[in-house]
PDB file of N, CA and C in Angstrom:
ATOM      1  N   UNK A   1     -13.528  35.515  67.728  1.00  0.00           N
ATOM      2  CA  UNK A   1     -13.636  34.630  66.380  1.00  0.00           C
ATOM      3  C   UNK A   1     -15.076  35.820  65.772  1.00  0.00           C
ATOM      4  N   UNK A   2     -14.644  36.159  64.614  1.00  0.00           N
ATOM      5  CA  UNK A   2     -16.148  37.382  64.054  1.00  0.00           C
ATOM      6  C   UNK A   2     -16.914  36.302  64.296  1.00  0.00           C
ATOM      7  N   UNK A   3     -18.583  36.634  64.344  1.00  0.00           N
ATOM      8  CA  UNK A   3     -19.845  36.327  64.243  1.00  0.00           C
ATOM      9  C   UNK A   3     -19.423  35.932  62.277  1.00  0.00           C
ATOM     10  N   UNK A   4     -20.078  34.466  62.591  1.00  0.00           N
ATOM     11  CA  UNK A   4     -20.121  34.147  61.032  1.00  0.00           C
ATOM     12  C   UNK A   4     -18.546  33.888  60.508  1.00  0.00           C
ATOM     13  N   UNK A   5     -18.127  33.726  60.514  1.00  0.00           N
ATOM     14  CA  UNK A   5     -16.447  33.011  60.520  1.00  0.00           C
ATOM     15  C   UNK A   5     -16.390  31.490  61.167  1.00  0.00           C
ATOM     16  N   UNK A   6     -15.579  31.169  61.039  1.00  0.00           N
ATOM     17  CA  UNK A   6     -14.861  29.647  61.638  1.00  0.00           C
ATOM     18  C   UNK A   6     -13.709  29.303  60.912  1.00  0.00           C
ATOM     19  N   UNK A   7     -12.888  28.658  61.857  1.00  0.00           N
ATOM     20  CA  UNK A   7     -11.716  28.202  61.140  1.00  0.00           C
ATOM     21  C   UNK A   7     -12.190  27.442  59.780  1.00  0.00           C
ATOM     22  N   UNK A   8     -10.979  27.166  59.033  1.00  0.00           N
ATOM     23  CA  UNK A   8     -11.192  26.764  57.896  1.00  0.00           C
ATOM     24  C   UNK A   8     -11.149  24.578  58.270  1.00  0.00           C
ATOM     25  N   UNK A   9     -12.222  24.365  58.285  1.00  0.00           N
ATOM     26  CA  UNK A   9     -12.451  22.453  58.122  1.00  0.00           C
ATOM     27  C   UNK A   9     -11.357  21.734  57.880  1.00  0.00           C
ATOM     28  N   UNK A  10     -10.896  22.199  56.693  1.00  0.00           N
ATOM     29  CA  UNK A  10      -9.405  21.267  56.864  1.00  0.00           C
ATOM     30  C   UNK A  10      -8.944  21.470  57.805  1.00  0.00           C
ATOM     31  N   UNK A  11      -8.855  20.177  58.611  1.00  0.00           N
ATOM     32  CA  UNK A  11      -7.583  20.188  59.851  1.00  0.00           C
ATOM     33  C   UNK A  11      -6.195  20.275  59.320  1.00  0.00           C
ATOM     34  N   UNK A  12      -5.472  19.523  58.244  1.00  0.00           N
ATOM     35  CA  UNK A  12      -4.370  19.695  57.867  1.00  0.00           C
ATOM     36  C   UNK A  12      -3.620  20.617  57.467  1.00  0.00           C
ATOM     37  N   UNK A  13      -4.624  21.596  56.577  1.00  0.00           N
ATOM     38  CA  UNK A  13      -4.398  22.612  56.122  1.00  0.00           C
ATOM     39  C   UNK A  13      -4.427  23.824  57.452  1.00  0.00           C
ATOM     40  N   UNK A  14      -5.322  23.547  58.520  1.00  0.00           N
ATOM     41  CA  UNK A  14      -4.730  24.564  59.691  1.00  0.00           C
ATOM     42  C   UNK A  14      -4.062  24.296  60.516  1.00  0.00           C
ATOM     43  N   UNK A  15      -3.237  23.005  60.482  1.00  0.00           N
ATOM     44  CA  UNK A  15      -2.388  22.647  61.400  1.00  0.00           C
ATOM     45  C   UNK A  15      -1.276  23.460  60.913  1.00  0.00           C
ATOM     46  N   UNK A  16      -0.925  23.219  59.790  1.00  0.00           N
ATOM     47  CA  UNK A  16      -0.403  23.371  58.695  1.00  0.00           C
ATOM     48  C   UNK A  16       0.155  25.089  58.808  1.00  0.00           C
ATOM     49  N   UNK A  17      -0.885  25.788  58.822  1.00  0.00           N
ATOM     50  CA  UNK A  17      -1.504  27.211  59.268  1.00  0.00           C
ATOM     51  C   UNK A  17      -0.296  27.715  60.469  1.00  0.00           C
ATOM     52  N   UNK A  18      -0.932  26.866  61.048  1.00  0.00           N
ATOM     53  CA  UNK A  18      -0.749  27.233  62.588  1.00  0.00           C
ATOM     54  C   UNK A  18       1.015  27.261  62.725  1.00  0.00           C
ATOM     55  N   UNK A  19       1.119  25.775  61.995  1.00  0.00           N
ATOM     56  CA  UNK A  19       3.018  25.916  62.187  1.00  0.00           C
ATOM     57  C   UNK A  19       3.720  27.530  62.030  1.00  0.00           C
ATOM     58  N   UNK A  20       3.212  27.268  60.492  1.00  0.00           N
ATOM     59  CA  UNK A  20       3.793  28.504  59.549  1.00  0.00           C
ATOM     60  C   UNK A  20       3.639  29.651  60.539  1.00  0.00           C
ATOM     61  N   UNK A  21       2.649  30.498  61.452  1.00  0.00           N
ATOM     62  CA  UNK A  21       2.510  31.345  62.199  1.00  0.00           C
ATOM     63  C   UNK A  21       2.880  31.613  63.232  1.00  0.00           C
ATOM     64  N   UNK A  22       3.104  30.487  64.075  1.00  0.00           N
ATOM     65  CA  UNK A  22       4.246  30.115  64.821  1.00  0.00           C
ATOM     66  C   UNK A  22       5.429  30.244  64.708  1.00  0.00           C
ATOM     67  N   UNK A  23       6.072  29.611  63.296  1.00  0.00           N
ATOM     68  CA  UNK A  23       7.346  29.896  63.015  1.00  0.00           C
ATOM     69  C   UNK A  23       7.668  31.702  62.333  1.00  0.00           C
ATOM     70  N   UNK A  24       6.419  31.976  62.299  1.00  0.00           N
ATOM     71  CA  UNK A  24       6.488  33.375  61.875  1.00  0.00           C
ATOM     72  C   UNK A  24       6.166  34.636  62.750  1.00  0.00           C
ATOM     73  N   UNK A  25       6.476  33.845  63.869  1.00  0.00           N
ATOM     74  CA  UNK A  25       6.315  34.558  65.514  1.00  0.00           C
ATOM     75  C   UNK A  25       5.029  35.472  65.687  1.00  0.00           C
ATOM     76  N   UNK A  26       3.582  34.723  65.099  1.00  0.00           N
ATOM     77  CA  UNK A  26       2.805  35.291  65.337  1.00  0.00           C
ATOM     78  C   UNK A  26       2.289  36.003  64.000  1.00  0.00           C
ATOM     79  N   UNK A  27       2.467  36.090  62.660  1.00  0.00           N
ATOM     80  CA  UNK A  27       2.403  37.238  62.021  1.00  0.00           C
ATOM     81  C   UNK A  27       1.964  36.413  61.140  1.00  0.00           C
ATOM     82  N   UNK A  28       0.771  36.783  60.131  1.00  0.00           N
ATOM     83  CA  UNK A  28       0.203  36.262  59.337  1.00  0.00           C
ATOM     84  C   UNK A  28       1.645  35.615  58.046  1.00  0.00           C
ATOM     85  N   UNK A  29       1.041  34.634  57.958  1.00  0.00           N
ATOM     86  CA  UNK A  29       2.440  33.985  57.028  1.00  0.00           C
ATOM     87  C   UNK A  29       2.217  34.554  54.993  1.00  0.00           C
ATOM     88  N   UNK A  30       1.168  34.839  54.851  1.00  0.00           N
ATOM     89  CA  UNK A  30       1.106  35.319  53.364  1.00  0.00           C
ATOM     90  C   UNK A  30       1.359  37.359  53.303  1.00  0.00           C
ATOM     91  N   UNK A  31       1.551  37.798  54.666  1.00  0.00           N
ATOM     92  CA  UNK A  31       2.104  39.129  54.717  1.00  0.00           C
ATOM     93  C   UNK A  31       3.659  39.066  54.682  1.00  0.00           C
ATOM     94  N   UNK A  32       3.818  40.171  53.915  1.00  0.00           N
ATOM     95  CA  UNK A  32       5.675  40.276  54.183  1.00  0.00           C
ATOM     96  C   UNK A  32       6.369  40.974  54.904  1.00  0.00           C
ATOM     97  N   UNK A  33       4.986  42.056  55.787  1.00  0.00           N
ATOM     98  CA  UNK A  33       6.070  42.605  56.889  1.00  0.00           C
ATOM     99  C   UNK A  33       5.550  42.657  58.372  1.00  0.00           C
ATOM    100  N   UNK A  34       6.264  42.494  59.292  1.00  0.00           N
ATOM    101  CA  UNK A  34       6.282  42.069  59.750  1.00  0.00           C
ATOM    102  C   UNK A  34       5.854  43.368  61.339  1.00  0.00           C
ATOM    103  N   UNK A  35       4.470  44.031  60.967  1.00  0.00           N
ATOM    104  CA  UNK A  35       4.150  44.774  61.750  1.00  0.00           C
ATOM    105  C   UNK A  35       2.903  44.704  62.383  1.00  0.00           C
ATOM    106  N   UNK A  36       2.595  45.172  63.527  1.00  0.00           N
ATOM    107  CA  UNK A  36       1.484  44.768  64.362  1.00  0.00           C
ATOM    108  C   UNK A  36       0.071  44.395  63.873  1.00  0.00           C
ATOM    109  N   UNK A  37      -0.093  45.596  62.741  1.00  0.00           N
ATOM    110  CA  UNK A  37      -1.290  45.427  61.532  1.00  0.00           C
ATOM    111  C   UNK A  37      -1.863  43.401  60.837  1.00  0.00           C
ATOM    112  N   UNK A  38      -0.563  42.983  60.898  1.00  0.00           N
ATOM    113  CA  UNK A  38      -0.307  41.934  60.213  1.00  0.00           C
ATOM    114  C   UNK A  38      -0.385  39.927  61.151  1.00  0.00           C
ATOM    115  N   UNK A  39      -0.358  40.874  62.560  1.00  0.00           N
ATOM    116  CA  UNK A  39      -0.586  39.748  63.403  1.00  0.00           C
ATOM    117  C   UNK A  39      -1.849  39.101  63.649  1.00  0.00           C
ATOM    118  N   UNK A  40      -1.678  37.503  63.378  1.00  0.00           N
ATOM    119  CA  UNK A  40      -3.254  36.943  63.766  1.00  0.00           C
ATOM    120  C   UNK A  40      -4.068  36.808  64.486  1.00  0.00           C
ATOM    121  N   UNK A  41      -5.183  36.847  63.875  1.00  0.00           N
ATOM    122  CA  UNK A  41      -5.988  37.491  62.438  1.00  0.00           C
ATOM    123  C   UNK A  41      -5.197  38.992  62.454  1.00  0.00           C
ATOM    124  N   UNK A  42      -4.743  39.080  61.269  1.00  0.00           N
ATOM    125  CA  UNK A  42      -4.631  40.149  60.881  1.00  0.00           C
ATOM    126  C   UNK A  42      -5.876  41.422  60.874  1.00  0.00           C
ATOM    127  N   UNK A  43      -5.191  42.660  60.335  1.00  0.00           N
ATOM    128  CA  UNK A  43      -6.114  43.994  60.713  1.00  0.00           C
ATOM    129  C   UNK A  43      -6.994  43.338  59.718  1.00  0.00           C
ATOM    130  N   UNK A  44      -6.857  42.978  58.141  1.00  0.00           N
ATOM    131  CA  UNK A  44      -7.794  42.595  57.098  1.00  0.00           C
ATOM    132  C   UNK A  44      -8.840  42.197  57.620  1.00  0.00           C
ATOM    133  N   UNK A  45      -8.912  41.042  57.960  1.00  0.00           N
ATOM    134  CA  UNK A  45      -9.445  39.933  58.781  1.00  0.00           C
ATOM    135  C   UNK A  45     -10.432  40.789  59.867  1.00  0.00           C
ATOM    136  N   UNK A  46      -9.882  41.462  60.601  1.00  0.00           N
ATOM    137  CA  UNK A  46     -10.823  41.887  61.579  1.00  0.00           C
ATOM    138  C   UNK A  46     -12.011  43.052  61.152  1.00  0.00           C
ATOM    139  N   UNK A  47     -10.997  43.928  60.247  1.00  0.00           N
ATOM    140  CA  UNK A  47     -11.782  44.808  59.337  1.00  0.00           C
ATOM    141  C   UNK A  47     -12.349  44.625  58.496  1.00  0.00           C
ATOM    142  N   UNK A  48     -12.004  43.695  57.578  1.00  0.00           N
ATOM    143  CA  UNK A  48     -13.066  43.900  56.172  1.00  0.00           C
ATOM    144  C   UNK A  48     -13.136  42.182  56.228  1.00  0.00           C
ATOM    145  N   UNK A  49     -12.954  41.505  57.227  1.00  0.00           N
ATOM    146  CA  UNK A  49     -13.486  40.309  57.244  1.00  0.00           C
ATOM    147  C   UNK A  49     -12.920  38.937  55.983  1.00  0.00           C
ATOM    148  N   UNK A  50     -11.625  39.722  55.553  1.00  0.00           N
ATOM    149  CA  UNK A  50     -10.854  38.514  54.135  1.00  0.00           C
ATOM    150  C   UNK A  50      -9.499  38.048  54.980  1.00  0.00           C
ATOM    151  N   UNK A  51      -9.662  36.783  55.180  1.00  0.00           N
ATOM    152  CA  UNK A  51      -8.339  36.121  55.216  1.00  0.00           C
ATOM    153  C   UNK A  51      -7.446  35.559  54.238  1.00  0.00           C
ATOM    154  N   UNK A  52      -6.480  36.344  54.380  1.00  0.00           N
ATOM    155  CA  UNK A  52      -5.150  36.104  53.113  1.00  0.00           C
ATOM    156  C   UNK A  52      -4.883  34.245  52.908  1.00  0.00           C
ATOM    157  N   UNK A  53      -4.708  34.103  54.032  1.00  0.00           N
ATOM    158  CA  UNK A  53      -3.988  32.636  54.370  1.00  0.00           C
ATOM    159  C   UNK A  53      -4.991  31.692  54.331  1.00  0.00           C
ATOM    160  N   UNK A  54      -6.013  31.688  54.204  1.00  0.00           N
ATOM    161  CA  UNK A  54      -7.437  30.636  54.144  1.00  0.00           C
ATOM    162  C   UNK A  54      -7.846  30.006  55.432  1.00  0.00           C
ATOM    163  N   UNK A  55      -7.149  30.277  56.765  1.00  0.00           N
ATOM    164  CA  UNK A  55      -7.013  30.025  57.944  1.00  0.00           C
ATOM    165  C   UNK A  55      -8.563  30.022  58.125  1.00  0.00           C
ATOM    166  N   UNK A  56      -9.641  31.271  58.476  1.00  0.00           N
ATOM    167  CA  UNK A  56     -10.846  31.967  58.983  1.00  0.00           C
ATOM    168  C   UNK A  56     -11.366  31.860  57.388  1.00  0.00           C
ATOM    169  N   UNK A  57     -12.641  31.014  57.210  1.00  0.00           N
ATOM    170  CA  UNK A  57     -13.634  31.265  56.229  1.00  0.00           C
ATOM    171  C   UNK A  57     -15.324  31.889  56.503  1.00  0.00           C
ATOM    172  N   UNK A  58     -15.715  31.786  55.562  1.00  0.00           N
ATOM    173  CA  UNK A  58     -17.362  31.947  55.930  1.00  0.00           C
ATOM    174  C   UNK A  58     -17.662  31.317  56.893  1.00  0.00           C
ATOM    175  N   UNK A  59     -18.633  30.921  57.751  1.00  0.00           N
ATOM    176  CA  UNK A  59     -19.471  29.938  58.070  1.00  0.00           C
ATOM    177  C   UNK A  59     -20.876  29.963  57.269  1.00  0.00           C
ATOM    178  N   UNK A  60     -20.465  29.030  56.834  1.00  0.00           N
ATOM    179  CA  UNK A  60     -22.035  29.234  55.732  1.00  0.00           C
ATOM    180  C   UNK A  60     -23.277  28.532  56.367  1.00  0.00           C
ATOM    181  N   UNK A  61     -23.388  27.835  57.691  1.00  0.00           N
ATOM    182  CA  UNK A  61     -24.461  28.382  58.585  1.00  0.00           C
ATOM    183  C   UNK A  61     -24.988  28.876  59.199  1.00  0.00           C
ATOM    184  N   UNK A  62     -24.164  30.197  59.331  1.00  0.00           N
ATOM    185  CA  UNK A  62     -24.779  31.765  59.703  1.00  0.00           C
ATOM    186  C   UNK A  62     -25.481  32.377  59.008  1.00  0.00           C
ATOM    187  N   UNK A  63     -26.819  32.432  59.836  1.00  0.00           N
ATOM    188  CA  UNK A  63     -27.734  33.305  59.431  1.00  0.00           C
ATOM    189  C   UNK A  63     -27.602  34.534  60.045  1.00  0.00           C
ATOM    190  N   UNK A  64     -28.183  36.264  59.357  1.00  0.00           N
ATOM    191  CA  UNK A  64     -28.017  37.318  60.158  1.00  0.00           C
ATOM    192  C   UNK A  64     -29.245  37.666  60.218  1.00  0.00           C
ATOM    193  N   UNK A  65     -30.217  38.081  61.557  1.00  0.00           N
ATOM    194  CA  UNK A  65     -31.838  38.366  61.131  1.00  0.00           C
ATOM    195  C   UNK A  65     -31.784  39.380  60.597  1.00  0.00           C
ATOM    196  N   UNK A  66     -32.560  39.704  59.267  1.00  0.00           N
ATOM    197  CA  UNK A  66     -32.939  40.668  59.069  1.00  0.00           C
ATOM    198  C   UNK A  66     -34.321  41.304  59.691  1.00  0.00           C
ATOM    199  N   UNK A  67     -34.448  40.940  60.298  1.00  0.00           N
ATOM    200  CA  UNK A  67     -35.656  41.659  61.252  1.00  0.00           C
ATOM    201  C   UNK A  67     -34.986  42.694  62.170  1.00  0.00           C
ATOM    202  N   UNK A  68     -35.693  44.105  61.627  1.00  0.00           N
ATOM    203  CA  UNK A  68     -35.251  45.369  62.531  1.00  0.00           C
ATOM    204  C   UNK A  68     -35.611  45.404  63.681  1.00  0.00           C
ATOM    205  N   UNK A  69     -35.026  45.591  65.306  1.00  0.00           N
ATOM    206  CA  UNK A  69     -35.719  46.277  66.331  1.00  0.00           C
ATOM    207  C   UNK A  69     -36.662  46.860  66.785  1.00  0.00           C
ATOM    208  N   UNK A  70     -37.081  47.410  67.517  1.00  0.00           N
ATOM    209  CA  UNK A  70     -37.708  48.306  67.323  1.00  0.00           C
ATOM    210  C   UNK A  70     -37.436  50.105  67.166  1.00  0.00           C
ATOM    211  N   UNK A  71     -35.819  50.098  67.397  1.00  0.00           N
ATOM    212  CA  UNK A  71     -35.669  51.352  67.330  1.00  0.00           C
ATOM    213  C   UNK A  71     -35.452  51.637  66.003  1.00  0.00           C
ATOM    214  N   UNK A  72     -35.601  50.815  65.060  1.00  0.00           N
ATOM    215  CA  UNK A  72     -35.019  50.756  63.465  1.00  0.00           C
ATOM    216  C   UNK A  72     -33.732  50.276  63.124  1.00  0.00           C
ATOM    217  N   UNK A  73     -33.340  49.407  64.335  1.00  0.00           N
ATOM    218  CA  UNK A  73     -31.773  49.301  63.732  1.00  0.00           C
ATOM    219  C   UNK A  73     -31.275  47.820  63.964  1.00  0.00           C
ATOM    220  N   UNK A  74     -30.791  47.463  62.908  1.00  0.00           N
ATOM    221  CA  UNK A  74     -30.291  45.805  62.942  1.00  0.00           C
ATOM    222  C   UNK A  74     -30.308  45.494  64.417  1.00  0.00           C
ATOM    223  N   UNK A  75     -30.152  44.095  64.940  1.00  0.00           N
ATOM    224  CA  UNK A  75     -30.090  43.569  66.243  1.00  0.00           C
ATOM    225  C   UNK A  75     -28.234  43.341  66.226  1.00  0.00           C
ATOM    226  N   UNK A  76     -27.915  43.335  64.983  1.00  0.00           N
ATOM    227  CA  UNK A  76     -26.432  42.883  64.399  1.00  0.00           C
ATOM    228  C   UNK A  76     -25.606  43.808  64.024  1.00  0.00           C
ATOM    229  N   UNK A  77     -25.993  45.381  64.425  1.00  0.00           N
ATOM    230  CA  UNK A  77     -25.165  45.862  63.636  1.00  0.00           C
ATOM    231  C   UNK A  77     -23.678  46.829  64.850  1.00  0.00           C
ATOM    232  N   UNK A  78     -23.794  45.925  65.849  1.00  0.00           N
ATOM    233  CA  UNK A  78     -22.240  46.259  66.199  1.00  0.00           C
ATOM    234  C   UNK A  78     -21.381  44.643  66.351  1.00  0.00           C
ATOM    235  N   UNK A  79     -22.018  43.839  65.911  1.00  0.00           N
ATOM    236  CA  UNK A  79     -20.962  42.610  65.186  1.00  0.00           C
ATOM    237  C   UNK A  79     -20.918  42.919  63.640  1.00  0.00           C
ATOM    238  N   UNK A  80     -21.056  43.730  62.929  1.00  0.00           N
ATOM    239  CA  UNK A  80     -20.487  43.554  61.716  1.00  0.00           C
ATOM    240  C   UNK A  80     -19.653  45.147  60.714  1.00  0.00           C
TER     241      UNK A  80
END
């Protein structure tokens, strides 16, 4: 799971979503084409942090440390 994201807290929704993903052979239920980029978690989520089906949401408790390290790079640079 990407830092700053979590499963949707609605257990019934997640259960239903997982069931639809399983019925769809692991592909996002909101994507029409069954291509590798649409395997859950889909490429759109992995690259742009946007989940079409709502299975993954932003974690409201996640805080990014805004401080810079000695080299002048953010310590989270490799994660976002």
